[in-house]
Amino acid sequence: AKRYGKVGGFAHLSTLVKRMKASRPGALLLDGGD
């Protein structure tokens, strides 16, 4: 944890979602709940 740091966070997740959607036209983001 000290070496690699914290995980998650919607701002960081959002960056990855945008990248994946940009490289995959029409890709759908599914949210499984909770």
PDB file of all heavy atoms in Angstrom:
ATOM      1  N   ALA A   1       0.831  -1.201   0.000  1.00  0.00           N
ATOM      2  CA  ALA A   1       0.000   0.000   0.000  1.00  0.00           C
ATOM      3  C   ALA A   1       0.865   1.250   0.000  1.00  0.00           C
ATOM      4  O   ALA A   1       0.566   2.239  -0.696  1.00  0.00           O
ATOM      5  CB  ALA A   1      -0.923  -0.003   1.213  1.00  0.00           C
ATOM      6  N   LYS A   2       1.950   1.218   0.764  1.00  0.00           N
ATOM      7  CA  LYS A   2       2.849   2.373   0.788  1.00  0.00           C
ATOM      8  C   LYS A   2       3.555   2.548  -0.545  1.00  0.00           C
ATOM      9  O   LYS A   2       3.830   3.663  -0.971  1.00  0.00           O
ATOM     10  CB  LYS A   2       3.865   2.205   1.918  1.00  0.00           C
ATOM     11  CG  LYS A   2       3.261   2.283   3.312  1.00  0.00           C
ATOM     12  CD  LYS A   2       4.279   2.009   4.393  1.00  0.00           C
ATOM     13  CE  LYS A   2       3.644   2.037   5.778  1.00  0.00           C
ATOM     14  NZ  LYS A   2       4.615   1.703   6.847  1.00  0.00           N
ATOM     15  N   ARG A   3       3.830   1.437  -1.209  1.00  0.00           N
ATOM     16  CA  ARG A   3       4.546   1.503  -2.481  1.00  0.00           C
ATOM     17  C   ARG A   3       3.652   1.936  -3.636  1.00  0.00           C
ATOM     18  O   ARG A   3       4.030   2.783  -4.445  1.00  0.00           O
ATOM     19  CB  ARG A   3       5.155   0.135  -2.792  1.00  0.00           C
ATOM     20  CG  ARG A   3       5.948   0.122  -4.090  1.00  0.00           C
ATOM     21  CD  ARG A   3       6.606  -1.224  -4.298  1.00  0.00           C
ATOM     22  NE  ARG A   3       7.497  -1.194  -5.455  1.00  0.00           N
ATOM     23  CZ  ARG A   3       8.207  -2.228  -5.873  1.00  0.00           C
ATOM     24  NH1 ARG A   3       8.130  -3.383  -5.223  1.00  0.00           N
ATOM     25  NH2 ARG A   3       8.980  -2.140  -6.931  1.00  0.00           N
ATOM     26  N   TYR A   4       2.468   1.337  -3.716  1.00  0.00           N
ATOM     27  CA  TYR A   4       1.611   1.562  -4.873  1.00  0.00           C
ATOM     28  C   TYR A   4       0.481   2.552  -4.624  1.00  0.00           C
ATOM     29  O   TYR A   4      -0.181   2.986  -5.564  1.00  0.00           O
ATOM     30  CB  TYR A   4       1.031   0.236  -5.365  1.00  0.00           C
ATOM     31  CG  TYR A   4       2.091  -0.719  -5.870  1.00  0.00           C
ATOM     32  CD1 TYR A   4       2.379  -1.886  -5.179  1.00  0.00           C
ATOM     33  CD2 TYR A   4       2.820  -0.439  -7.019  1.00  0.00           C
ATOM     34  CE1 TYR A   4       3.357  -2.763  -5.636  1.00  0.00           C
ATOM     35  CE2 TYR A   4       3.797  -1.297  -7.480  1.00  0.00           C
ATOM     36  CZ  TYR A   4       4.067  -2.460  -6.785  1.00  0.00           C
ATOM     37  OH  TYR A   4       5.043  -3.314  -7.235  1.00  0.00           O
ATOM     38  N   GLY A   5       0.222   2.896  -3.356  1.00  0.00           N
ATOM     39  CA  GLY A   5      -0.736   3.947  -3.058  1.00  0.00           C
ATOM     40  C   GLY A   5      -2.180   3.493  -3.000  1.00  0.00           C
ATOM     41  O   GLY A   5      -2.490   2.305  -2.980  1.00  0.00           O
ATOM     42  N   LYS A   6      -3.046   4.472  -2.995  1.00  0.00           N
ATOM     43  CA  LYS A   6      -4.481   4.202  -2.888  1.00  0.00           C
ATOM     44  C   LYS A   6      -5.044   3.710  -4.222  1.00  0.00           C
ATOM     45  O   LYS A   6      -4.446   3.894  -5.284  1.00  0.00           O
ATOM     46  CB  LYS A   6      -5.223   5.461  -2.433  1.00  0.00           C
ATOM     47  CG  LYS A   6      -4.897   5.879  -1.002  1.00  0.00           C
ATOM     48  CD  LYS A   6      -5.733   7.078  -0.573  1.00  0.00           C
ATOM     49  CE  LYS A   6      -5.458   7.430   0.896  1.00  0.00           C
ATOM     50  NZ  LYS A   6      -6.299   8.558   1.358  1.00  0.00           N
ATOM     51  N   VAL A   7      -6.220   3.102  -4.124  1.00  0.00           N
ATOM     52  CA  VAL A   7      -6.885   2.559  -5.305  1.00  0.00           C
ATOM     53  C   VAL A   7      -8.271   3.194  -5.431  1.00  0.00           C
ATOM     54  O   VAL A   7      -8.827   3.738  -4.485  1.00  0.00           O
ATOM     55  CB  VAL A   7      -7.018   1.028  -5.214  1.00  0.00           C
ATOM     56  CG1 VAL A   7      -5.655   0.363  -5.277  1.00  0.00           C
ATOM     57  CG2 VAL A   7      -7.745   0.614  -3.937  1.00  0.00           C
ATOM     58  N   GLY A   8      -8.825   3.092  -6.638  1.00  0.00           N
ATOM     59  CA  GLY A   8     -10.172   3.585  -6.868  1.00  0.00           C
ATOM     60  C   GLY A   8     -10.248   5.092  -6.968  1.00  0.00           C
ATOM     61  O   GLY A   8      -9.276   5.778  -7.269  1.00  0.00           O
ATOM     62  N   GLY A   9     -11.439   5.596  -6.702  1.00  0.00           N
ATOM     63  CA  GLY A   9     -11.711   7.026  -6.851  1.00  0.00           C
ATOM     64  C   GLY A   9     -12.396   7.292  -8.176  1.00  0.00           C
ATOM     65  O   GLY A   9     -11.889   6.914  -9.241  1.00  0.00           O
ATOM     66  N   PHE A  10     -13.556   7.924  -8.134  1.00  0.00           N
ATOM     67  CA  PHE A  10     -14.339   8.126  -9.356  1.00  0.00           C
ATOM     68  C   PHE A  10     -13.648   9.019 -10.375  1.00  0.00           C
ATOM     69  O   PHE A  10     -13.855   8.871 -11.572  1.00  0.00           O
ATOM     70  CB  PHE A  10     -15.726   8.681  -9.003  1.00  0.00           C
ATOM     71  CG  PHE A  10     -16.800   7.634  -8.955  1.00  0.00           C
ATOM     72  CD1 PHE A  10     -16.616   6.475  -8.216  1.00  0.00           C
ATOM     73  CD2 PHE A  10     -17.996   7.790  -9.640  1.00  0.00           C
ATOM     74  CE1 PHE A  10     -17.603   5.492  -8.169  1.00  0.00           C
ATOM     75  CE2 PHE A  10     -18.990   6.823  -9.611  1.00  0.00           C
ATOM     76  CZ  PHE A  10     -18.790   5.666  -8.875  1.00  0.00           C
ATOM     77  N   ALA A  11     -12.831   9.957  -9.920  1.00  0.00           N
ATOM     78  CA  ALA A  11     -12.134  10.815 -10.882  1.00  0.00           C
ATOM     79  C   ALA A  11     -11.123  10.020 -11.690  1.00  0.00           C
ATOM     80  O   ALA A  11     -10.949  10.252 -12.898  1.00  0.00           O
ATOM     81  CB  ALA A  11     -11.446  11.971 -10.155  1.00  0.00           C
ATOM     82  N   HIS A  12     -10.471   9.064 -11.053  1.00  0.00           N
ATOM     83  CA  HIS A  12      -9.487   8.217 -11.741  1.00  0.00           C
ATOM     84  C   HIS A  12     -10.195   7.154 -12.571  1.00  0.00           C
ATOM     85  O   HIS A  12      -9.779   6.847 -13.699  1.00  0.00           O
ATOM     86  CB  HIS A  12      -8.549   7.600 -10.709  1.00  0.00           C
ATOM     87  CG  HIS A  12      -7.933   8.618  -9.803  1.00  0.00           C
ATOM     88  ND1 HIS A  12      -6.801   9.326 -10.132  1.00  0.00           N
ATOM     89  CD2 HIS A  12      -8.335   9.083  -8.588  1.00  0.00           C
ATOM     90  CE1 HIS A  12      -6.514  10.169  -9.150  1.00  0.00           C
ATOM     91  NE2 HIS A  12      -7.436  10.047  -8.214  1.00  0.00           N
ATOM     92  N   LEU A  13     -11.261   6.604 -12.029  1.00  0.00           N
ATOM     93  CA  LEU A  13     -12.084   5.662 -12.777  1.00  0.00           C
ATOM     94  C   LEU A  13     -12.643   6.322 -14.030  1.00  0.00           C
ATOM     95  O   LEU A  13     -12.675   5.716 -15.107  1.00  0.00           O
ATOM     96  CB  LEU A  13     -13.217   5.155 -11.887  1.00  0.00           C
ATOM     97  CG  LEU A  13     -14.280   4.264 -12.533  1.00  0.00           C
ATOM     98  CD1 LEU A  13     -13.669   2.971 -13.057  1.00  0.00           C
ATOM     99  CD2 LEU A  13     -15.402   3.952 -11.535  1.00  0.00           C
ATOM    100  N   SER A  14     -13.070   7.552 -13.903  1.00  0.00           N
ATOM    101  CA  SER A  14     -13.633   8.277 -15.040  1.00  0.00           C
ATOM    102  C   SER A  14     -12.618   8.418 -16.174  1.00  0.00           C
ATOM    103  O   SER A  14     -12.961   8.280 -17.357  1.00  0.00           O
ATOM    104  CB  SER A  14     -14.123   9.659 -14.597  1.00  0.00           C
ATOM    105  OG  SER A  14     -14.693  10.367 -15.676  1.00  0.00           O
ATOM    106  N   THR A  15     -11.378   8.677 -15.828  1.00  0.00           N
ATOM    107  CA  THR A  15     -10.328   8.777 -16.844  1.00  0.00           C
ATOM    108  C   THR A  15     -10.208   7.478 -17.621  1.00  0.00           C
ATOM    109  O   THR A  15     -10.120   7.483 -18.862  1.00  0.00           O
ATOM    110  CB  THR A  15      -8.978   9.118 -16.183  1.00  0.00           C
ATOM    111  OG1 THR A  15      -9.062  10.423 -15.610  1.00  0.00           O
ATOM    112  CG2 THR A  15      -7.835   9.081 -17.190  1.00  0.00           C
ATOM    113  N   LEU A  16     -10.233   6.353 -16.910  1.00  0.00           N
ATOM    114  CA  LEU A  16     -10.104   5.063 -17.583  1.00  0.00           C
ATOM    115  C   LEU A  16     -11.345   4.735 -18.407  1.00  0.00           C
ATOM    116  O   LEU A  16     -11.231   4.211 -19.524  1.00  0.00           O
ATOM    117  CB  LEU A  16      -9.849   3.971 -16.542  1.00  0.00           C
ATOM    118  CG  LEU A  16      -9.574   2.571 -17.102  1.00  0.00           C
ATOM    119  CD1 LEU A  16      -8.377   2.579 -18.044  1.00  0.00           C
ATOM    120  CD2 LEU A  16      -9.358   1.575 -15.969  1.00  0.00           C
ATOM    121  N   VAL A  17     -12.520   5.039 -17.881  1.00  0.00           N
ATOM    122  CA  VAL A  17     -13.744   4.799 -18.643  1.00  0.00           C
ATOM    123  C   VAL A  17     -13.720   5.574 -19.958  1.00  0.00           C
ATOM    124  O   VAL A  17     -14.053   5.038 -21.025  1.00  0.00           O
ATOM    125  CB  VAL A  17     -14.988   5.171 -17.809  1.00  0.00           C
ATOM    126  CG1 VAL A  17     -16.245   5.216 -18.685  1.00  0.00           C
ATOM    127  CG2 VAL A  17     -15.181   4.188 -16.669  1.00  0.00           C
ATOM    128  N   LYS A  18     -13.316   6.820 -19.892  1.00  0.00           N
ATOM    129  CA  LYS A  18     -13.257   7.629 -21.107  1.00  0.00           C
ATOM    130  C   LYS A  18     -12.274   7.050 -22.117  1.00  0.00           C
ATOM    131  O   LYS A  18     -12.535   7.035 -23.331  1.00  0.00           O
ATOM    132  CB  LYS A  18     -12.885   9.075 -20.754  1.00  0.00           C
ATOM    133  CG  LYS A  18     -14.010   9.856 -20.096  1.00  0.00           C
ATOM    134  CD  LYS A  18     -13.596  11.298 -19.818  1.00  0.00           C
ATOM    135  CE  LYS A  18     -14.773  12.094 -19.240  1.00  0.00           C
ATOM    136  NZ  LYS A  18     -14.413  13.503 -18.958  1.00  0.00           N
ATOM    137  N   ARG A  19     -11.136   6.561 -21.633  1.00  0.00           N
ATOM    138  CA  ARG A  19     -10.154   5.963 -22.540  1.00  0.00           C
ATOM    139  C   ARG A  19     -10.708   4.713 -23.199  1.00  0.00           C
ATOM    140  O   ARG A  19     -10.546   4.495 -24.404  1.00  0.00           O
ATOM    141  CB  ARG A  19      -8.874   5.619 -21.780  1.00  0.00           C
ATOM    142  CG  ARG A  19      -8.076   6.813 -21.335  1.00  0.00           C
ATOM    143  CD  ARG A  19      -6.767   6.360 -20.707  1.00  0.00           C
ATOM    144  NE  ARG A  19      -6.053   7.462 -20.093  1.00  0.00           N
ATOM    145  CZ  ARG A  19      -4.870   7.347 -19.509  1.00  0.00           C
ATOM    146  NH1 ARG A  19      -4.279   6.160 -19.464  1.00  0.00           N
ATOM    147  NH2 ARG A  19      -4.277   8.390 -18.969  1.00  0.00           N
ATOM    148  N   MET A  20     -11.332   3.861 -22.397  1.00  0.00           N
ATOM    149  CA  MET A  20     -11.858   2.616 -22.951  1.00  0.00           C
ATOM    150  C   MET A  20     -12.987   2.893 -23.936  1.00  0.00           C
ATOM    151  O   MET A  20     -13.092   2.241 -24.983  1.00  0.00           O
ATOM    152  CB  MET A  20     -12.345   1.704 -21.827  1.00  0.00           C
ATOM    153  CG  MET A  20     -11.252   1.156 -20.920  1.00  0.00           C
ATOM    154  SD  MET A  20     -10.035   0.114 -21.754  1.00  0.00           S
ATOM    155  CE  MET A  20      -8.597   1.204 -21.729  1.00  0.00           C
ATOM    156  N   LYS A  21     -13.837   3.851 -23.626  1.00  0.00           N
ATOM    157  CA  LYS A  21     -14.928   4.175 -24.553  1.00  0.00           C
ATOM    158  C   LYS A  21     -14.401   4.811 -25.843  1.00  0.00           C
ATOM    159  O   LYS A  21     -14.947   4.575 -26.925  1.00  0.00           O
ATOM    160  CB  LYS A  21     -15.943   5.098 -23.873  1.00  0.00           C
ATOM    161  CG  LYS A  21     -16.879   4.367 -22.908  1.00  0.00           C
ATOM    162  CD  LYS A  21     -18.099   5.217 -22.543  1.00  0.00           C
ATOM    163  CE  LYS A  21     -19.139   4.400 -21.782  1.00  0.00           C
ATOM    164  NZ  LYS A  21     -20.383   5.157 -21.518  1.00  0.00           N
ATOM    165  N   ALA A  22     -13.343   5.582 -25.713  1.00  0.00           N
ATOM    166  CA  ALA A  22     -12.760   6.205 -26.906  1.00  0.00           C
ATOM    167  C   ALA A  22     -12.158   5.161 -27.837  1.00  0.00           C
ATOM    168  O   ALA A  22     -12.220   5.297 -29.070  1.00  0.00           O
ATOM    169  CB  ALA A  22     -11.700   7.219 -26.494  1.00  0.00           C
ATOM    170  N   SER A  23     -11.570   4.119 -27.267  1.00  0.00           N
ATOM    171  CA  SER A  23     -10.947   3.079 -28.085  1.00  0.00           C
ATOM    172  C   SER A  23     -11.929   2.000 -28.507  1.00  0.00           C
ATOM    173  O   SER A  23     -11.601   1.155 -29.352  1.00  0.00           O
ATOM    174  CB  SER A  23      -9.789   2.428 -27.319  1.00  0.00           C
ATOM    175  OG  SER A  23     -10.265   1.733 -26.176  1.00  0.00           O
ATOM    176  N   ARG A  24     -13.123   2.024 -27.934  1.00  0.00           N
ATOM    177  CA  ARG A  24     -14.139   1.018 -28.222  1.00  0.00           C
ATOM    178  C   ARG A  24     -15.467   1.700 -28.515  1.00  0.00           C
ATOM    179  O   ARG A  24     -16.337   1.788 -27.642  1.00  0.00           O
ATOM    180  CB  ARG A  24     -14.287   0.061 -27.023  1.00  0.00           C
ATOM    181  CG  ARG A  24     -13.087  -0.834 -26.813  1.00  0.00           C
ATOM    182  CD  ARG A  24     -13.020  -1.391 -25.413  1.00  0.00           C
ATOM    183  NE  ARG A  24     -12.051  -2.481 -25.309  1.00  0.00           N
ATOM    184  CZ  ARG A  24     -10.736  -2.311 -25.286  1.00  0.00           C
ATOM    185  NH1 ARG A  24     -10.226  -1.081 -25.337  1.00  0.00           N
ATOM    186  NH2 ARG A  24      -9.919  -3.352 -25.207  1.00  0.00           N
ATOM    187  N   PRO A  25     -15.644   2.209 -29.722  1.00  0.00           N
ATOM    188  CA  PRO A  25     -16.866   2.954 -30.065  1.00  0.00           C
ATOM    189  C   PRO A  25     -18.120   2.146 -29.729  1.00  0.00           C
ATOM    190  O   PRO A  25     -18.221   0.959 -30.038  1.00  0.00           O
ATOM    191  CB  PRO A  25     -16.724   3.162 -31.578  1.00  0.00           C
ATOM    192  CG  PRO A  25     -15.250   3.119 -31.832  1.00  0.00           C
ATOM    193  CD  PRO A  25     -14.715   2.107 -30.861  1.00  0.00           C
ATOM    194  N   GLY A  26     -19.056   2.805 -29.028  1.00  0.00           N
ATOM    195  CA  GLY A  26     -20.317   2.167 -28.681  1.00  0.00           C
ATOM    196  C   GLY A  26     -20.277   1.347 -27.407  1.00  0.00           C
ATOM    197  O   GLY A  26     -21.306   0.812 -26.991  1.00  0.00           O
ATOM    198  N   ALA A  27     -19.113   1.229 -26.764  1.00  0.00           N
ATOM    199  CA  ALA A  27     -19.007   0.422 -25.546  1.00  0.00           C
ATOM    200  C   ALA A  27     -19.987   0.914 -24.488  1.00  0.00           C
ATOM    201  O   ALA A  27     -20.199   2.123 -24.332  1.00  0.00           O
ATOM    202  CB  ALA A  27     -17.577   0.470 -25.012  1.00  0.00           C
ATOM    203  N   LEU A  28     -20.565  -0.025 -23.741  1.00  0.00           N
ATOM    204  CA  LEU A  28     -21.533   0.300 -22.690  1.00  0.00           C
ATOM    205  C   LEU A  28     -20.897   0.114 -21.320  1.00  0.00           C
ATOM    206  O   LEU A  28     -20.187  -0.870 -21.082  1.00  0.00           O
ATOM    207  CB  LEU A  28     -22.759  -0.592 -22.808  1.00  0.00           C
ATOM    208  CG  LEU A  28     -23.603  -0.446 -24.083  1.00  0.00           C
ATOM    209  CD1 LEU A  28     -24.724  -1.478 -24.083  1.00  0.00           C
ATOM    210  CD2 LEU A  28     -24.167   0.956 -24.215  1.00  0.00           C
ATOM    211  N   LEU A  29     -21.165   1.054 -20.419  1.00  0.00           N
ATOM    212  CA  LEU A  29     -20.700   0.962 -19.039  1.00  0.00           C
ATOM    213  C   LEU A  29     -21.833   0.415 -18.180  1.00  0.00           C
ATOM    214  O   LEU A  29     -22.895   1.039 -18.063  1.00  0.00           O
ATOM    215  CB  LEU A  29     -20.243   2.325 -18.528  1.00  0.00           C
ATOM    216  CG  LEU A  29     -19.829   2.386 -17.051  1.00  0.00           C
ATOM    217  CD1 LEU A  29     -18.685   1.426 -16.751  1.00  0.00           C
ATOM    218  CD2 LEU A  29     -19.447   3.821 -16.666  1.00  0.00           C
ATOM    219  N   LEU A  30     -21.610  -0.735 -17.558  1.00  0.00           N
ATOM    220  CA  LEU A  30     -22.611  -1.400 -16.746  1.00  0.00           C
ATOM    221  C   LEU A  30     -22.224  -1.304 -15.274  1.00  0.00           C
ATOM    222  O   LEU A  30     -21.076  -1.554 -14.907  1.00  0.00           O
ATOM    223  CB  LEU A  30     -22.733  -2.875 -17.142  1.00  0.00           C
ATOM    224  CG  LEU A  30     -22.893  -3.182 -18.640  1.00  0.00           C
ATOM    225  CD1 LEU A  30     -23.091  -4.684 -18.846  1.00  0.00           C
ATOM    226  CD2 LEU A  30     -24.049  -2.405 -19.249  1.00  0.00           C
ATOM    227  N   ASP A  31     -23.208  -0.978 -14.442  1.00  0.00           N
ATOM    228  CA  ASP A  31     -23.008  -0.835 -12.994  1.00  0.00           C
ATOM    229  C   ASP A  31     -23.806  -1.931 -12.298  1.00  0.00           C
ATOM    230  O   ASP A  31     -25.030  -1.959 -12.371  1.00  0.00           O
ATOM    231  CB  ASP A  31     -23.471   0.558 -12.564  1.00  0.00           C
ATOM    232  CG  ASP A  31     -23.394   0.786 -11.060  1.00  0.00           C
ATOM    233  OD1 ASP A  31     -23.002  -0.143 -10.325  1.00  0.00           O
ATOM    234  OD2 ASP A  31     -23.742   1.890 -10.611  1.00  0.00           O
ATOM    235  N   GLY A  32     -23.092  -2.827 -11.579  1.00  0.00           N
ATOM    236  CA  GLY A  32     -23.739  -3.974 -10.966  1.00  0.00           C
ATOM    237  C   GLY A  32     -24.416  -3.705  -9.640  1.00  0.00           C
ATOM    238  O   GLY A  32     -24.940  -4.626  -9.013  1.00  0.00           O
ATOM    239  N   GLY A  33     -24.436  -2.443  -9.166  1.00  0.00           N
ATOM    240  CA  GLY A  33     -25.154  -2.133  -7.940  1.00  0.00           C
ATOM    241  C   GLY A  33     -24.274  -2.010  -6.719  1.00  0.00           C
ATOM    242  O   GLY A  33     -23.056  -2.085  -6.786  1.00  0.00           O
ATOM    243  N   ASP A  34     -24.907  -1.813  -5.559  1.00  0.00           N
ATOM    244  CA  ASP A  34     -24.219  -1.442  -4.318  1.00  0.00           C
ATOM    245  C   ASP A  34     -23.388  -0.181  -4.550  1.00  0.00           C
ATOM    246  O   ASP A  34     -22.237  -0.079  -4.120  1.00  0.00           O
ATOM    247  CB  ASP A  34     -23.335  -2.576  -3.796  1.00  0.00           C
ATOM    248  CG  ASP A  34     -24.132  -3.612  -3.025  1.00  0.00           C
ATOM    249  OD1 ASP A  34     -25.368  -3.524  -3.012  1.00  0.00           O
ATOM    250  OD2 ASP A  34     -23.519  -4.519  -2.437  1.00  0.00           O
TER     251      ASP A  34
END
